[in-house]
């Protein structure tokens, strides 16, 4: 159970960080283009 919970937590954090990184990348690209 502990392992499963840890796996879920890591997956959630990874997804959240990836989404945040993508948003930042798109924002920078948008400002650079215009």
C-alpha atoms as a PDB file:
ATOM      1  CA  UNK A   1       0.000   0.000   0.000  1.00  0.00           C
ATOM      2  CA  UNK A   2       2.804   2.378   0.880  1.00  0.00           C
ATOM      3  CA  UNK A   3       4.563   1.685  -2.408  1.00  0.00           C
ATOM      4  CA  UNK A   4       1.367   2.229  -4.397  1.00  0.00           C
ATOM      5  CA  UNK A   5       0.711   5.528  -2.605  1.00  0.00           C
ATOM      6  CA  UNK A   6       4.266   6.687  -3.268  1.00  0.00           C
ATOM      7  CA  UNK A   7       3.953   5.768  -6.950  1.00  0.00           C
ATOM      8  CA  UNK A   8       0.715   7.741  -7.262  1.00  0.00           C
ATOM      9  CA  UNK A   9       2.236  10.732  -5.484  1.00  0.00           C
ATOM     10  CA  UNK A  10       5.293  10.743  -7.744  1.00  0.00           C
ATOM     11  CA  UNK A  11       3.099  10.411 -10.829  1.00  0.00           C
ATOM     12  CA  UNK A  12       0.925  13.336  -9.741  1.00  0.00           C
ATOM     13  CA  UNK A  13       3.917  15.563  -9.033  1.00  0.00           C
ATOM     14  CA  UNK A  14       5.543  14.634 -12.356  1.00  0.00           C
ATOM     15  CA  UNK A  15       2.358  15.435 -14.270  1.00  0.00           C
ATOM     16  CA  UNK A  16       1.907  18.735 -12.436  1.00  0.00           C
ATOM     17  CA  UNK A  17       5.530  19.792 -13.005  1.00  0.00           C
ATOM     18  CA  UNK A  18       5.382  18.768 -16.653  1.00  0.00           C
ATOM     19  CA  UNK A  19       2.196  20.760 -17.188  1.00  0.00           C
ATOM     20  CA  UNK A  20       3.702  23.789 -15.439  1.00  0.00           C
ATOM     21  CA  UNK A  21       6.856  23.485 -17.567  1.00  0.00           C
ATOM     22  CA  UNK A  22       4.823  23.243 -20.761  1.00  0.00           C
ATOM     23  CA  UNK A  23       2.786  26.313 -19.833  1.00  0.00           C
ATOM     24  CA  UNK A  24       5.993  28.232 -19.092  1.00  0.00           C
ATOM     25  CA  UNK A  25       7.536  27.113 -22.377  1.00  0.00           C
ATOM     26  CA  UNK A  26       4.442  28.165 -24.365  1.00  0.00           C
ATOM     27  CA  UNK A  27       4.315  31.505 -22.549  1.00  0.00           C
ATOM     28  CA  UNK A  28       7.981  32.222 -23.330  1.00  0.00           C
ATOM     29  CA  UNK A  29       7.512  31.189 -26.977  1.00  0.00           C
ATOM     30  CA  UNK A  30       4.421  33.388 -27.245  1.00  0.00           C
ATOM     31  CA  UNK A  31       6.258  36.449 -25.881  1.00  0.00           C
ATOM     32  CA  UNK A  32       9.257  35.760 -28.096  1.00  0.00           C
ATOM     33  CA  UNK A  33       7.061  35.482 -31.202  1.00  0.00           C
ATOM     34  CA  UNK A  34       5.158  38.697 -30.428  1.00  0.00           C
END
